[in-house]
Amino acid sequence: MRRVRPRLGQRGRGRVRRSYLGIVGYQRLLDRRIVRFHKLKIGFAVEIVRVEDEGPARSSGLRTGDLIVAMNGQDVASVDDMHRVLAEWPIGRPLGVIIVRGKDRLEFPVTPAEAR
C-alpha cells in the first residue's frame, strides 16, 4: 500500500498505471561458472520462457532463454525484483536490461509499455 497510495494521488485517475515488458519468466539458479565468468553478485536470474509477439521485449531483441540479471543497474534475482523495478519506472522511458545469453552478457534498451 505504501507504494500504491502516493501514485494514486499523483495520477488523479483512481488507478495505478504499471510498466510491463511482455515476457513470462521464472527465477533460475545460475551455474557457478556463469556467475564467476560474468562476475555476477548474485547466483539467481530470471529466465525468459515466453516473449509476447507484440510486446516491448520482442521489439527490443530479448529472446526465450535469455537470463535477466539486472534492470536499471539493479540486480534481478526474481520476478518480484523485476516487478519492483517496473513499478517505479515510467511508461515509455527506455530501461536498461542486462541479460546473459550463452556466453555473452548483453544490455538492451527496452521501452516498457503500459500493462493492460
Protein backbone atom coordinates (compact mmCIF):
# COMPACT_ATOMS: atom_id res chain seq x y z
CA MET A 1 0.00 0.00 0.00
CA ARG A 2 2.86 2.41 0.69
CA ARG A 3 3.84 2.35 -2.99
CA VAL A 4 0.32 2.49 -4.42
CA ARG A 5 -1.29 5.25 -2.35
CA PRO A 6 1.12 8.06 -3.36
CA ARG A 7 0.89 7.07 -7.02
CA LEU A 8 -2.92 7.16 -6.94
CA GLY A 9 -2.82 10.70 -5.62
CA GLN A 10 -0.29 11.82 -8.24
CA ARG A 11 -2.20 10.46 -11.19
CA GLY A 12 -5.65 11.64 -10.18
CA ARG A 13 -7.20 8.88 -12.26
CA GLY A 14 -8.06 6.47 -9.47
CA ARG A 15 -5.85 3.72 -10.85
CA VAL A 16 -2.17 2.88 -11.00
CA ARG A 17 -0.54 2.65 -14.40
CA ARG A 18 2.17 -0.02 -14.49
CA SER A 19 5.00 -0.72 -16.89
CA TYR A 20 5.43 -4.14 -18.44
CA LEU A 21 7.91 -5.82 -20.76
CA GLY A 22 5.77 -8.51 -22.37
CA ILE A 23 7.58 -11.57 -21.03
CA VAL A 24 6.90 -14.60 -18.89
CA GLY A 25 9.79 -15.71 -16.73
CA TYR A 26 10.76 -17.56 -13.60
CA GLN A 27 13.57 -17.48 -11.08
CA ARG A 28 16.50 -19.67 -12.02
CA LEU A 29 19.54 -20.74 -10.05
CA LEU A 30 22.65 -19.96 -12.09
CA ASP A 31 25.55 -22.32 -12.54
CA ARG A 32 28.56 -21.13 -10.50
CA ARG A 33 30.66 -20.98 -13.67
CA ILE A 34 28.24 -18.43 -15.20
CA VAL A 35 28.27 -16.35 -12.01
CA ARG A 36 32.09 -16.30 -11.91
CA PHE A 37 32.59 -15.79 -15.65
CA HIS A 38 30.27 -12.74 -15.73
CA LYS A 39 31.30 -11.52 -12.25
CA LEU A 40 27.69 -11.50 -11.04
CA LYS A 41 26.93 -10.52 -7.45
CA ILE A 42 24.05 -12.98 -7.08
CA GLY A 43 23.50 -16.56 -8.16
CA PHE A 44 19.96 -16.16 -9.47
CA ALA A 45 18.38 -14.61 -12.54
CA VAL A 46 15.01 -14.52 -14.29
CA GLU A 47 14.88 -16.87 -17.26
CA ILE A 48 12.57 -15.74 -20.05
CA VAL A 49 10.28 -18.62 -21.02
CA ARG A 50 7.94 -16.68 -23.33
CA VAL A 51 8.11 -13.37 -25.16
CA GLU A 52 4.87 -11.76 -26.37
CA ASP A 53 4.85 -11.23 -30.13
CA GLU A 54 3.85 -7.57 -29.93
CA GLY A 55 5.48 -6.74 -26.58
CA PRO A 56 8.30 -4.32 -25.81
CA ALA A 57 10.76 -7.15 -25.06
CA ARG A 58 10.35 -8.72 -28.52
CA SER A 59 10.87 -5.43 -30.35
CA SER A 60 13.99 -4.77 -28.24
CA GLY A 61 15.58 -8.11 -29.14
CA LEU A 62 15.02 -10.18 -25.98
CA ARG A 63 14.51 -13.90 -26.61
CA THR A 64 13.24 -17.02 -24.92
CA GLY A 65 16.08 -18.49 -22.85
CA ASP A 66 17.71 -15.15 -22.04
CA LEU A 67 18.63 -14.71 -18.38
CA ILE A 68 17.80 -11.28 -16.96
CA VAL A 69 20.43 -10.40 -14.36
CA ALA A 70 19.88 -6.63 -13.93
CA MET A 71 17.48 -3.82 -14.77
CA ASN A 72 18.30 -0.13 -14.42
CA GLY A 73 21.55 -1.04 -12.67
CA GLN A 74 19.77 -3.12 -10.01
CA ASP A 75 20.44 -6.84 -9.68
CA VAL A 76 17.47 -9.03 -10.59
CA ALA A 77 17.23 -12.38 -8.81
CA SER A 78 13.47 -12.96 -9.08
CA VAL A 79 10.29 -11.93 -10.85
CA ASP A 80 9.46 -9.87 -7.74
CA ASP A 81 12.68 -7.89 -8.26
CA MET A 82 11.59 -7.17 -11.84
CA HIS A 83 8.15 -6.04 -10.68
CA ARG A 84 9.71 -3.69 -8.11
CA VAL A 85 11.85 -2.01 -10.77
CA LEU A 86 8.94 -1.77 -13.23
CA ALA A 87 6.56 -0.39 -10.58
CA GLU A 88 8.82 2.65 -10.21
CA TRP A 89 9.81 3.02 -13.86
CA PRO A 90 7.91 5.48 -16.09
CA ILE A 91 5.97 4.02 -19.00
CA GLY A 92 7.58 4.87 -22.33
CA ARG A 93 11.06 5.62 -20.96
CA PRO A 94 13.84 3.20 -22.08
CA LEU A 95 15.09 0.87 -19.37
CA GLY A 96 18.48 -0.86 -19.47
CA VAL A 97 18.00 -4.63 -19.22
CA ILE A 98 21.16 -6.72 -18.80
CA ILE A 99 20.95 -10.35 -19.85
CA VAL A 100 23.17 -13.37 -20.17
CA ARG A 101 22.72 -15.17 -23.50
CA GLY A 102 25.01 -18.15 -23.86
CA LYS A 103 28.48 -16.85 -23.05
CA ASP A 104 27.59 -13.22 -23.76
CA ARG A 105 26.49 -10.53 -21.35
CA LEU A 106 24.38 -8.01 -23.26
CA GLU A 107 22.44 -4.85 -22.47
CA PHE A 108 19.22 -3.97 -24.28
CA PRO A 109 17.28 -0.72 -24.02
CA VAL A 110 13.67 -1.85 -23.53
CA THR A 111 10.88 0.72 -23.53
CA PRO A 112 8.15 -0.59 -21.20
CA ALA A 113 4.54 -0.23 -22.31
CA GLU A 114 1.51 0.21 -20.09
CA ALA A 115 0.26 -3.06 -18.61
CA ARG A 116 -3.20 -3.98 -19.82
